[in-house]
Amino acid sequence: MMKSVIPPLNVTILLGITIVLSCQAEMQEADLILTNANIWTANEEQPSAEAMAIVGDSILAIGAQADIEKFKGLSTKVIDANGAFVVPGFIDTHVHLLDGGFNLSSVKLRDSNSPEEFSQKIAEFAEALPPGTWILGGEWDGSEWEILPSKDWIDNLTPNHPVFVSRLDGHMGLANSLALELAGIDNNVEDVEGGVILRDDSNELTGILKDNAMTLITSKIPTPSHEEIDRAIQDAMKYFASNGVTSVHHVWYPTDSKGHEEGFERAHKASDMRTRIFALGALENWLQRADQIKIEGAGDKWLKINALKGVLDGALGSHTAAFIDPFSDAPGDKGLFILPETDLYDWVSKADKAALQIAVHAIGDHAVQVLLNTYDRVQIENGKRDRRFRIEHAQHIHPADIKRFAELNVIPSMQPYHAIDDGRWAEEVIGPERIKTTYAFKSLIDADARVCFGSDWPVAPGSVLHGIYAAVTRRTLDEMNPDGWVPEQKITPKQALIAYTRNGAYASFEEDIKGTLEPGKLADFVIISEDITDVDPVRIKDLKVLQTYVGGKKVFDITEN
């Protein structure tokens, strides 16, 4: 006798439910359909598409135009991309969001070509401000000047305004005499560990403070009001939307304005966010962060707080990055460690035990090596798990340490714009041999490291298109390297796009909801004027962000701005 081929009742019911649900999904009406597009998805299983259907804040379907048409209903809004290039929303994995927001309305010193122009810009800015107003930001360069700025340059021009303007790398600042006075600093001030206080030949303060010494001033700057913070956050989010950035990793730094995370929370509660924020707090405050998460949770798709950031050394331009060998232009000087190695290990180990993700700033090859050693030790001692330790910047790497990133699953969180900026003068500072593994994008990718990209805004522009251009061409800002500075480290446009999308999501444990364009993920995407992967690389920086969408809602349109 043959056995019955009729499935049990519960299986029959389950199959019926599956079929019904499948049909409902196929018939579901999209809120928005993007059509006639050249979509680069960052999804290896479906690299390209012509159209995309969106329901709510998520992608319903993506594929050929004819397949997406069936999701069109009477109330569906249709966007004709007119053949434009569409990519996942860019993820900038290293920004100082609030400082950048304030700097948008502060004095602009980056383009000062001489000490005279530097001083004049500060004087003109001060004239428009009420007496007593602090002048901050600035982002001055000065790499082509023969001397560092001094308070003598601006004291007579700013008698009624305290000034503390930072170098573009954020590791050095200039204070005028009024700012020093208000901060209680005079010629008798003691040196600060992990920082530098510059003095002239007469032992008088020049006004230049580096790294940890900068806190002597920043700790005395008045706290901005809630209204000022909220306005700066909104200005920053508008700026990022105009650059196609839909998510940022806000990394804490000692010079950050006070109250930044409270401002993020206010914007979130008011549903007033157009940029998703992954906020990394101070590493030394790991216990407070762990306790906060126990009470409030780690956040959601708009604001997450389950990560920390430390600062191990300084920067190359300030001669405070920590190197194994001395600087080529300053024999005997190997830079400095802002954070003692014992504290680094202690905080990383304890924060890791609390299941917090950790990222640490390391620029010089010595700092990178010490940090890799620390991460290795902590992983061995605390046991195996998916940590995704990060090294922020990872600018100058000893050749023997390149392979260790992938071996330890450490993410190099890098900023390609710095390469075409520093490339103008870096060889003078560290010599021809060390530059071979400076901003070593290709070497790291070839060694299977998951490189993610950011801007370090406001230290560098927040333009992703400029960042991709930098990674692909490595043509320095002075145009002295038309074939690329250290050209063997150039990467392809697709590799750069992955670093700004899929790998950016991976760097914050969010690859399940964003970083690629595929069904079920957030509808964060950018429409760009031309195909980044198919234009002359030199033209990438001149392409235009036409529209930016976050959660299926338009947050930027070039025709409306």
Protein backbone atom coordinates (compact mmCIF):
# COMPACT_ATOMS: atom_id res chain seq x y z
CA MET A 1 0.00 0.00 0.00
CA MET A 2 1.39 3.42 -0.99
CA LYS A 3 1.94 5.99 1.70
CA SER A 4 -0.10 9.17 1.45
CA VAL A 5 1.68 12.13 -0.14
CA ILE A 6 -0.68 14.59 1.55
CA PRO A 7 1.33 16.62 4.07
CA PRO A 8 0.16 16.85 7.70
CA LEU A 9 -2.41 19.55 8.42
CA ASN A 10 0.00 21.86 10.27
CA VAL A 11 2.44 21.74 7.33
CA THR A 12 -0.39 22.49 4.87
CA ILE A 13 -1.44 25.50 6.93
CA LEU A 14 2.16 26.76 7.11
CA LEU A 15 2.58 26.43 3.33
CA GLY A 16 -0.65 28.33 2.80
CA ILE A 17 0.40 31.14 5.07
CA THR A 18 3.77 31.39 3.29
CA ILE A 19 2.08 31.60 -0.11
CA VAL A 20 -0.35 34.27 1.10
CA LEU A 21 2.41 36.34 2.66
CA SER A 22 4.47 36.01 -0.51
CA CYS A 23 1.58 37.21 -2.63
CA GLN A 24 0.92 40.10 -0.26
CA ALA A 25 4.58 41.14 -0.52
CA GLU A 26 4.41 40.98 -4.30
CA MET A 27 1.27 43.09 -4.36
CA GLN A 28 2.42 45.57 -1.73
CA GLU A 29 2.19 49.12 -2.92
CA ALA A 30 5.36 51.18 -2.73
CA ASP A 31 5.38 54.64 -1.24
CA LEU A 32 8.22 55.61 -3.54
CA ILE A 33 9.75 54.16 -6.68
CA LEU A 34 13.07 55.27 -8.10
CA THR A 35 13.21 54.45 -11.79
CA ASN A 36 15.49 54.91 -14.82
CA ALA A 37 18.58 54.79 -12.60
CA ASN A 38 22.10 53.42 -12.78
CA ILE A 39 22.19 51.86 -9.30
CA TRP A 40 25.40 50.60 -7.73
CA THR A 41 24.16 48.56 -4.77
CA ALA A 42 27.40 47.56 -2.94
CA ASN A 43 25.69 44.15 -2.69
CA GLU A 44 27.93 41.52 -4.26
CA GLU A 45 24.95 39.23 -4.94
CA GLN A 46 23.20 41.93 -6.98
CA PRO A 47 25.80 44.57 -7.94
CA SER A 48 23.57 46.74 -10.11
CA ALA A 49 19.93 47.59 -10.71
CA GLU A 50 17.67 49.93 -12.68
CA ALA A 51 14.93 50.68 -10.18
CA MET A 52 14.04 50.50 -6.51
CA ALA A 53 10.76 50.36 -4.57
CA ILE A 54 10.50 51.80 -1.07
CA VAL A 55 7.90 51.37 1.69
CA GLY A 56 8.19 53.49 4.80
CA ASP A 57 11.87 53.95 5.53
CA SER A 58 13.02 50.68 3.95
CA ILE A 59 13.69 49.11 0.58
CA LEU A 60 10.88 46.83 -0.60
CA ALA A 61 12.48 45.61 -3.81
CA ILE A 62 15.32 46.45 -6.17
CA GLY A 63 16.07 45.18 -9.65
CA ALA A 64 15.05 45.56 -13.28
CA GLN A 65 12.64 48.36 -14.11
CA ALA A 66 9.94 46.00 -15.34
CA ASP A 67 10.05 44.00 -12.09
CA ILE A 68 9.72 47.09 -9.92
CA GLU A 69 6.75 48.50 -11.86
CA LYS A 70 4.39 45.98 -10.23
CA PHE A 71 4.81 47.77 -6.89
CA LYS A 72 3.39 51.00 -8.31
CA GLY A 73 0.00 51.99 -6.94
CA LEU A 74 -2.29 54.98 -7.18
CA SER A 75 -0.51 56.82 -4.37
CA THR A 76 3.05 55.79 -5.25
CA LYS A 77 5.43 58.66 -5.89
CA VAL A 78 7.77 57.99 -8.83
CA ILE A 79 11.19 59.60 -9.21
CA ASP A 80 12.81 59.48 -12.63
CA ALA A 81 16.58 59.48 -12.07
CA ASN A 82 17.17 60.21 -15.77
CA GLY A 83 20.02 57.72 -15.87
CA ALA A 84 21.88 59.26 -12.94
CA PHE A 85 24.20 57.22 -10.72
CA VAL A 86 22.69 55.99 -7.45
CA VAL A 87 24.66 54.58 -4.51
CA PRO A 88 23.97 53.68 -0.88
CA GLY A 89 24.00 56.66 1.46
CA PHE A 90 27.59 57.57 2.25
CA ILE A 91 28.81 56.75 5.76
CA ASP A 92 31.48 59.12 7.07
CA THR A 93 33.22 57.13 9.81
CA HIS A 94 35.16 59.96 11.44
CA VAL A 95 33.70 63.42 12.09
CA HIS A 96 33.61 65.98 14.87
CA LEU A 97 30.03 66.94 14.17
CA LEU A 98 29.36 69.69 16.67
CA ASP A 99 32.73 71.41 16.30
CA GLY A 100 32.20 71.34 12.55
CA GLY A 101 28.74 72.81 12.93
CA PHE A 102 30.11 75.70 14.97
CA ASN A 103 32.98 76.19 12.54
CA LEU A 104 30.57 76.73 9.67
CA SER A 105 29.80 80.13 11.17
CA SER A 106 33.28 80.86 12.54
CA VAL A 107 36.36 82.55 11.09
CA LYS A 108 37.86 80.76 8.06
CA LEU A 109 41.66 80.62 8.12
CA ARG A 110 42.45 77.53 6.03
CA ASP A 111 43.11 79.60 2.91
CA SER A 112 45.38 82.14 4.62
CA ASN A 113 48.47 82.28 2.41
CA SER A 114 50.56 84.43 4.71
CA PRO A 115 50.84 85.50 8.36
CA GLU A 116 49.47 88.90 7.34
CA GLU A 117 46.38 87.38 5.76
CA PHE A 118 45.90 85.13 8.81
CA SER A 119 45.95 88.14 11.14
CA GLN A 120 43.74 90.29 8.92
CA LYS A 121 41.01 87.64 8.68
CA ILE A 122 40.85 87.36 12.47
CA ALA A 123 40.73 91.16 12.81
CA GLU A 124 37.89 91.49 10.30
CA PHE A 125 35.92 88.69 11.95
CA ALA A 126 36.34 90.29 15.38
CA GLU A 127 34.95 93.62 14.14
CA ALA A 128 31.56 92.01 13.51
CA LEU A 129 31.28 90.45 16.99
CA PRO A 130 30.16 91.93 20.31
CA PRO A 131 33.05 92.52 22.75
CA GLY A 132 33.82 89.48 24.89
CA THR A 133 32.76 86.93 22.25
CA TRP A 134 35.19 84.05 21.88
CA ILE A 135 36.69 83.51 18.42
CA LEU A 136 37.15 79.78 17.84
CA GLY A 137 37.61 77.31 15.00
CA GLY A 138 39.76 78.71 12.24
CA GLU A 139 41.41 75.54 10.88
CA TRP A 140 44.61 77.36 9.86
CA ASP A 141 47.32 75.49 7.98
CA GLY A 142 50.61 77.37 7.97
CA SER A 143 52.59 74.45 6.54
CA GLU A 144 54.17 76.82 4.01
CA TRP A 145 55.04 79.51 6.53
CA GLU A 146 58.53 79.64 7.98
CA ILE A 147 57.31 80.15 11.54
CA LEU A 148 54.36 79.21 13.74
CA PRO A 149 51.76 81.86 14.55
CA SER A 150 52.20 83.88 17.73
CA LYS A 151 49.82 85.79 19.97
CA ASP A 152 51.80 88.90 19.00
CA TRP A 153 50.28 88.62 15.52
CA ILE A 154 46.75 89.24 16.79
CA ASP A 155 46.87 90.79 20.29
CA ASN A 156 46.59 94.38 19.06
CA LEU A 157 43.84 93.38 16.64
CA THR A 158 41.69 91.56 19.19
CA PRO A 159 41.95 93.45 22.50
CA ASN A 160 38.30 92.77 23.39
CA HIS A 161 37.90 89.22 22.05
CA PRO A 162 39.46 86.07 23.51
CA VAL A 163 40.84 84.00 20.63
CA PHE A 164 41.70 80.31 20.41
CA VAL A 165 41.95 79.18 16.80
CA SER A 166 43.00 75.63 15.94
CA ARG A 167 45.33 74.32 13.30
CA LEU A 168 43.47 72.24 10.72
CA ASP A 169 44.68 68.94 12.26
CA GLY A 170 43.07 69.83 15.60
CA HIS A 171 46.28 69.13 17.52
CA MET A 172 47.57 72.67 17.87
CA GLY A 173 45.93 76.00 18.67
CA LEU A 174 46.83 79.67 19.01
CA ALA A 175 45.53 81.71 21.95
CA ASN A 176 45.77 85.47 22.21
CA SER A 177 46.78 87.15 25.45
CA LEU A 178 43.19 87.79 26.52
CA ALA A 179 42.31 84.09 26.17
CA LEU A 180 45.40 83.12 28.19
CA GLU A 181 44.47 85.64 30.86
CA LEU A 182 40.86 84.46 31.11
CA ALA A 183 42.12 80.87 31.41
CA GLY A 184 44.49 81.86 34.22
CA ILE A 185 47.61 81.00 32.22
CA ASP A 186 50.82 82.99 32.53
CA ASN A 187 54.52 82.42 31.95
CA ASN A 188 54.74 80.33 35.12
CA VAL A 189 52.38 77.66 33.84
CA GLU A 190 53.76 74.15 34.23
CA ASP A 191 54.22 71.80 31.30
CA VAL A 192 51.43 69.33 30.59
CA GLU A 193 52.05 65.61 30.10
CA GLY A 194 51.11 64.60 26.58
CA GLY A 195 51.13 68.19 25.41
CA VAL A 196 53.40 71.08 24.49
CA ILE A 197 53.38 74.73 25.59
CA LEU A 198 55.57 76.78 23.27
CA ARG A 199 57.74 79.56 24.66
CA ASP A 200 60.07 82.01 22.95
CA ASP A 201 63.75 82.62 23.71
CA SER A 202 62.75 84.82 26.66
CA ASN A 203 60.61 81.98 28.10
CA GLU A 204 57.46 83.93 27.32
CA LEU A 205 54.40 82.08 26.06
CA THR A 206 53.87 82.36 22.31
CA GLY A 207 50.22 81.37 22.58
CA ILE A 208 50.76 78.04 20.79
CA LEU A 209 49.47 74.99 22.67
CA LYS A 210 49.60 71.40 21.40
CA ASP A 211 47.46 68.36 22.22
CA ASN A 212 46.83 67.90 25.97
CA ALA A 213 48.03 71.45 26.65
CA MET A 214 45.10 72.74 24.60
CA THR A 215 42.73 71.75 27.40
CA LEU A 216 44.20 74.58 29.50
CA ILE A 217 42.16 76.84 27.25
CA THR A 218 39.27 74.65 26.07
CA SER A 219 38.27 73.77 29.63
CA LYS A 220 37.69 77.50 30.30
CA ILE A 221 35.68 78.33 27.19
CA PRO A 222 32.05 79.06 28.15
CA THR A 223 29.60 76.26 27.47
CA PRO A 224 27.39 77.02 24.44
CA SER A 225 23.68 77.41 25.08
CA HIS A 226 21.24 74.69 24.10
CA GLU A 227 20.04 76.90 21.27
CA GLU A 228 23.59 77.38 19.94
CA ILE A 229 24.29 73.65 20.12
CA ASP A 230 21.03 72.73 18.43
CA ARG A 231 21.66 75.22 15.63
CA ALA A 232 25.20 73.90 15.09
CA ILE A 233 23.90 70.32 14.88
CA GLN A 234 21.26 71.27 12.32
CA ASP A 235 23.81 73.22 10.27
CA ALA A 236 26.14 70.21 10.33
CA MET A 237 23.42 67.78 9.25
CA LYS A 238 22.43 70.05 6.34
CA TYR A 239 26.08 70.22 5.31
CA PHE A 240 26.41 66.44 5.32
CA ALA A 241 23.16 65.94 3.42
CA SER A 242 24.50 68.23 0.69
CA ASN A 243 27.50 65.90 0.41
CA GLY A 244 25.45 62.72 0.18
CA VAL A 245 26.31 61.63 3.71
CA THR A 246 23.43 59.86 5.44
CA SER A 247 25.30 58.49 8.49
CA VAL A 248 28.24 59.82 10.48
CA HIS A 249 30.44 58.41 13.21
CA HIS A 250 30.90 61.28 15.62
CA VAL A 251 34.21 60.72 17.40
CA TRP A 252 34.88 62.43 20.68
CA TYR A 253 37.99 64.62 21.03
CA PRO A 254 39.22 66.71 24.00
CA THR A 255 38.53 69.97 22.17
CA ASP A 256 34.90 69.06 21.41
CA SER A 257 32.30 71.56 22.53
CA LYS A 258 30.46 70.62 25.69
CA GLY A 259 26.98 69.19 25.51
CA HIS A 260 27.28 67.51 22.11
CA GLU A 261 25.58 64.24 23.01
CA GLU A 262 22.77 66.00 24.86
CA GLY A 263 22.19 67.97 21.68
CA PHE A 264 21.99 64.76 19.65
CA GLU A 265 19.43 63.40 22.08
CA ARG A 266 17.30 66.55 21.86
CA ALA A 267 17.31 66.38 18.06
CA HIS A 268 16.39 62.70 18.20
CA LYS A 269 13.53 63.18 20.64
CA ALA A 270 12.19 66.03 18.50
CA SER A 271 12.41 63.83 15.35
CA ASP A 272 14.62 66.55 13.95
CA MET A 273 17.40 64.44 12.45
CA ARG A 274 18.37 64.10 8.81
CA THR A 275 21.67 62.33 9.55
CA ARG A 276 22.08 59.06 11.45
CA ILE A 277 24.66 59.43 14.23
CA PHE A 278 26.92 56.76 15.70
CA ALA A 279 28.37 58.60 18.70
CA LEU A 280 31.68 57.45 20.16
CA GLY A 281 32.23 58.76 23.69
CA ALA A 282 35.48 59.24 25.60
CA LEU A 283 37.39 56.02 26.26
CA GLU A 284 38.30 57.02 29.80
CA ASN A 285 34.59 57.37 30.59
CA TRP A 286 33.90 53.73 29.71
CA LEU A 287 32.19 52.98 33.01
CA GLN A 288 29.73 55.86 32.68
CA ARG A 289 28.94 54.74 29.14
CA ALA A 290 28.40 51.15 30.22
CA ASP A 291 26.06 52.29 33.02
CA GLN A 292 24.20 54.60 30.62
CA ILE A 293 23.57 51.74 28.20
CA LYS A 294 22.27 49.52 31.01
CA ILE A 295 19.67 52.16 31.82
CA GLU A 296 18.85 53.70 28.44
CA GLY A 297 19.92 51.08 25.93
CA ALA A 298 22.49 51.41 23.15
CA GLY A 299 20.26 53.40 20.82
CA ASP A 300 18.45 52.81 17.54
CA LYS A 301 18.79 53.38 13.80
CA TRP A 302 19.05 57.15 14.29
CA LEU A 303 21.36 57.48 17.29
CA LYS A 304 23.66 54.80 18.72
CA ILE A 305 26.05 55.18 21.66
CA ASN A 306 27.69 51.79 22.21
CA ALA A 307 31.24 52.79 21.26
CA LEU A 308 34.19 54.71 22.67
CA LYS A 309 37.13 56.60 21.25
CA GLY A 310 40.56 57.31 22.74
CA VAL A 311 43.48 59.43 21.57
CA LEU A 312 46.93 57.82 21.73
CA ASP A 313 49.20 60.31 19.95
CA GLY A 314 49.11 63.61 18.10
CA ALA A 315 49.41 64.57 14.43
CA LEU A 316 52.12 64.70 11.80
CA GLY A 317 51.77 68.39 10.99
CA SER A 318 52.17 69.33 14.65
CA HIS A 319 55.15 66.95 15.11
CA THR A 320 53.22 65.20 17.87
CA ALA A 321 52.50 61.87 16.17
CA ALA A 322 54.48 59.07 17.89
CA PHE A 323 57.12 57.44 15.64
CA ILE A 324 59.59 54.62 16.16
CA ASP A 325 62.39 56.71 14.62
CA PRO A 326 62.85 60.49 14.84
CA PHE A 327 61.31 62.93 12.39
CA SER A 328 63.55 63.48 9.39
CA ASP A 329 63.42 67.24 9.85
CA ALA A 330 63.79 67.15 13.66
CA PRO A 331 66.46 64.62 14.76
CA GLY A 332 65.89 63.51 18.33
CA ASP A 333 62.15 64.22 18.20
CA LYS A 334 59.92 61.13 17.94
CA GLY A 335 56.64 62.85 18.75
CA LEU A 336 54.64 62.05 21.86
CA PHE A 337 52.04 59.80 23.43
CA ILE A 338 49.01 61.71 24.67
CA LEU A 339 47.77 58.64 26.53
CA PRO A 340 50.21 56.56 28.63
CA GLU A 341 50.40 52.94 27.48
CA THR A 342 49.35 51.65 30.92
CA ASP A 343 46.15 53.71 30.82
CA LEU A 344 45.50 52.63 27.25
CA TYR A 345 45.61 48.96 28.19
CA ASP A 346 43.59 49.44 31.37
CA TRP A 347 40.77 51.34 29.68
CA VAL A 348 40.65 49.16 26.56
CA SER A 349 40.58 45.97 28.62
CA LYS A 350 37.84 47.17 30.96
CA ALA A 351 35.73 48.70 28.20
CA ASP A 352 36.06 45.52 26.18
CA LYS A 353 34.89 43.44 29.14
CA ALA A 354 31.84 45.71 29.25
CA ALA A 355 31.15 44.74 25.60
CA LEU A 356 31.74 48.25 24.29
CA GLN A 357 33.27 48.80 20.86
CA ILE A 358 36.58 50.64 20.96
CA ALA A 359 38.29 52.98 18.51
CA VAL A 360 41.58 54.75 19.23
CA HIS A 361 43.35 57.55 17.35
CA ALA A 362 46.85 56.47 16.28
CA ILE A 363 48.81 58.29 13.57
CA GLY A 364 52.54 57.59 13.98
CA ASP A 365 53.93 54.10 13.31
CA HIS A 366 54.91 53.69 16.96
CA ALA A 367 51.40 54.57 18.13
CA VAL A 368 49.85 52.18 15.59
CA GLN A 369 52.18 49.39 16.71
CA VAL A 370 51.49 49.93 20.41
CA LEU A 371 47.75 49.97 19.76
CA LEU A 372 47.84 46.75 17.71
CA ASN A 373 49.84 45.12 20.51
CA THR A 374 47.28 46.29 23.05
CA TYR A 375 44.35 45.03 21.00
CA ASP A 376 46.11 41.68 20.53
CA ARG A 377 46.72 41.33 24.26
CA VAL A 378 43.15 42.23 25.21
CA GLN A 379 41.66 39.77 22.70
CA ILE A 380 43.78 36.97 24.13
CA GLU A 381 43.00 37.84 27.74
CA ASN A 382 39.28 38.57 27.37
CA GLY A 383 38.41 35.72 25.02
CA LYS A 384 37.19 35.38 21.48
CA ARG A 385 34.23 37.44 20.22
CA ASP A 386 33.31 39.82 17.42
CA ARG A 387 34.87 43.08 18.68
CA ARG A 388 35.72 45.09 15.59
CA PHE A 389 38.41 47.16 17.26
CA ARG A 390 39.21 50.26 15.22
CA ILE A 391 42.29 52.37 14.66
CA GLU A 392 41.33 55.91 13.74
CA HIS A 393 43.60 57.43 11.07
CA ALA A 394 46.22 54.62 10.90
CA GLN A 395 48.19 57.04 8.77
CA HIS A 396 51.77 55.84 9.07
CA ILE A 397 52.19 52.09 9.47
CA HIS A 398 55.36 50.08 9.90
CA PRO A 399 55.47 47.60 6.96
CA ALA A 400 55.48 44.61 9.35
CA ASP A 401 52.19 45.77 10.86
CA ILE A 402 50.14 45.98 7.65
CA LYS A 403 49.05 42.33 7.77
CA ARG A 404 48.15 42.49 11.47
CA PHE A 405 44.99 44.52 10.83
CA ALA A 406 43.24 41.63 9.09
CA GLU A 407 44.80 39.02 11.38
CA LEU A 408 43.37 40.78 14.44
CA ASN A 409 40.18 41.93 12.68
CA VAL A 410 41.12 45.54 13.43
CA ILE A 411 39.40 48.10 11.22
CA PRO A 412 41.55 50.89 9.75
CA SER A 413 39.29 53.94 9.86
CA MET A 414 41.06 56.27 7.45
CA GLN A 415 40.59 59.69 5.85
CA PRO A 416 41.84 59.82 2.24
CA TYR A 417 41.70 63.62 1.90
CA HIS A 418 44.56 63.87 4.38
CA ALA A 419 46.79 62.01 1.91
CA ILE A 420 46.53 64.70 -0.76
CA ASP A 421 46.91 67.40 1.88
CA ASP A 422 49.85 66.00 3.85
CA GLY A 423 51.43 64.65 0.66
CA ARG A 424 52.61 68.18 -0.14
CA TRP A 425 55.16 68.11 2.68
CA ALA A 426 55.13 64.73 4.48
CA GLU A 427 58.32 63.44 2.85
CA GLU A 428 60.27 66.31 4.39
CA VAL A 429 59.00 65.28 7.82
CA ILE A 430 59.38 61.48 7.73
CA GLY A 431 61.59 60.80 4.70
CA PRO A 432 61.23 58.80 1.46
CA GLU A 433 61.13 55.33 3.02
CA ARG A 434 58.37 55.79 5.58
CA ILE A 435 56.01 57.45 3.08
CA LYS A 436 55.75 54.12 1.22
CA THR A 437 53.31 52.88 3.86
CA THR A 438 51.70 56.24 4.58
CA TYR A 439 47.94 56.24 3.93
CA ALA A 440 48.50 52.67 2.74
CA PHE A 441 45.02 52.08 1.36
CA LYS A 442 45.96 49.49 -1.25
CA SER A 443 48.39 47.58 0.97
CA LEU A 444 45.73 47.24 3.66
CA ILE A 445 43.00 46.20 1.23
CA ASP A 446 45.33 43.70 -0.45
CA ALA A 447 46.02 42.26 3.01
CA ASP A 448 42.23 41.77 3.48
CA ALA A 449 41.71 44.55 6.02
CA ARG A 450 38.23 46.11 6.03
CA VAL A 451 39.17 49.72 5.36
CA CYS A 452 36.48 52.28 6.06
CA PHE A 453 36.68 55.93 5.06
CA GLY A 454 35.75 59.22 6.67
CA SER A 455 36.64 62.89 6.44
CA ASP A 456 37.76 64.04 9.90
CA TRP A 457 35.52 67.07 9.30
CA PRO A 458 36.09 69.91 10.10
CA VAL A 459 39.81 69.07 9.96
CA ALA A 460 39.18 68.28 6.29
CA PRO A 461 36.18 68.94 4.03
CA GLY A 462 33.21 66.62 4.51
CA SER A 463 32.93 65.95 0.78
CA VAL A 464 32.89 62.23 0.02
CA LEU A 465 33.48 62.92 -3.67
CA HIS A 466 36.71 64.69 -2.76
CA GLY A 467 37.60 61.76 -0.51
CA ILE A 468 37.06 59.23 -3.30
CA TYR A 469 39.05 61.43 -5.66
CA ALA A 470 41.90 61.50 -3.13
CA ALA A 471 41.94 57.73 -2.64
CA VAL A 472 41.79 56.99 -6.36
CA THR A 473 44.19 59.63 -7.72
CA ARG A 474 46.36 60.69 -4.74
CA ARG A 475 46.98 63.97 -6.59
CA THR A 476 48.17 66.42 -3.93
CA LEU A 477 46.45 69.76 -3.42
CA ASP A 478 49.42 71.64 -4.83
CA GLU A 479 49.04 69.66 -8.10
CA MET A 480 52.71 68.67 -7.91
CA ASN A 481 51.90 64.95 -8.16
CA PRO A 482 49.72 64.50 -11.28
CA ASP A 483 50.32 60.72 -11.28
CA GLY A 484 49.66 60.45 -7.57
CA TRP A 485 51.70 60.80 -4.41
CA VAL A 486 52.96 57.30 -3.54
CA PRO A 487 50.94 56.06 -6.55
CA GLU A 488 51.31 52.38 -5.61
CA GLN A 489 48.78 53.03 -2.83
CA LYS A 490 46.02 54.22 -5.20
CA ILE A 491 42.81 52.17 -5.18
CA THR A 492 39.85 51.79 -7.57
CA PRO A 493 36.65 53.84 -7.39
CA LYS A 494 34.67 50.73 -6.40
CA GLN A 495 37.08 50.01 -3.54
CA ALA A 496 36.67 53.59 -2.36
CA LEU A 497 32.87 53.35 -2.61
CA ILE A 498 32.88 50.18 -0.53
CA ALA A 499 34.95 51.95 2.13
CA TYR A 500 32.33 54.72 2.29
CA THR A 501 29.30 52.40 2.31
CA ARG A 502 29.41 48.69 3.13
CA ASN A 503 32.54 48.84 5.26
CA GLY A 504 31.29 51.96 7.03
CA ALA A 505 28.21 50.03 8.15
CA TYR A 506 30.38 47.11 9.24
CA ALA A 507 32.52 49.47 11.32
CA SER A 508 29.52 50.24 13.55
CA PHE A 509 27.92 46.75 13.59
CA GLU A 510 25.11 48.04 11.37
CA GLU A 511 25.64 46.05 8.18
CA ASP A 512 22.27 44.38 8.74
CA ILE A 513 20.38 47.64 8.20
CA LYS A 514 22.49 49.81 5.89
CA GLY A 515 25.62 50.08 3.77
CA THR A 516 24.10 48.30 0.75
CA LEU A 517 20.91 48.73 -1.27
CA GLU A 518 18.88 45.55 -0.89
CA PRO A 519 15.37 44.57 0.29
CA GLY A 520 14.78 45.07 3.99
CA LYS A 521 17.52 47.64 4.51
CA LEU A 522 17.06 51.34 5.16
CA ALA A 523 16.31 53.44 2.09
CA ASP A 524 19.35 55.68 2.51
CA PHE A 525 20.69 56.57 -0.92
CA VAL A 526 22.35 59.28 -2.98
CA ILE A 527 21.78 60.39 -6.57
CA ILE A 528 24.98 61.61 -8.26
CA SER A 529 25.36 63.38 -11.59
CA GLU A 530 27.62 60.76 -13.21
CA ASP A 531 28.91 57.23 -12.68
CA ILE A 532 31.87 57.44 -10.30
CA THR A 533 33.16 54.10 -11.53
CA ASP A 534 33.16 55.12 -15.19
CA VAL A 535 34.53 58.66 -15.40
CA ASP A 536 38.06 59.97 -15.62
CA PRO A 537 39.16 59.73 -11.95
CA VAL A 538 40.45 63.30 -12.09
CA ARG A 539 36.83 64.44 -12.59
CA ILE A 540 35.38 62.65 -9.56
CA LYS A 541 35.75 65.65 -7.26
CA ASP A 542 33.78 67.79 -9.73
CA LEU A 543 30.73 65.52 -9.87
CA LYS A 544 27.56 66.73 -8.15
CA VAL A 545 25.37 65.28 -5.43
CA LEU A 546 21.92 65.85 -6.91
CA GLN A 547 19.71 64.44 -4.17
CA THR A 548 20.12 62.69 -0.83
CA TYR A 549 17.50 60.44 0.79
CA VAL A 550 17.44 59.15 4.36
CA GLY A 551 14.83 56.54 5.20
CA GLY A 552 13.12 57.20 1.87
CA LYS A 553 12.74 60.92 2.59
CA LYS A 554 14.54 63.57 0.60
CA VAL A 555 16.87 65.62 2.80
CA PHE A 556 18.79 67.43 0.05
CA ASP A 557 18.04 68.55 -3.50
CA ILE A 558 20.59 70.55 -5.45
CA THR A 559 17.80 72.44 -7.23
CA GLU A 560 16.42 73.69 -3.91
CA ASN A 561 19.68 74.94 -2.43
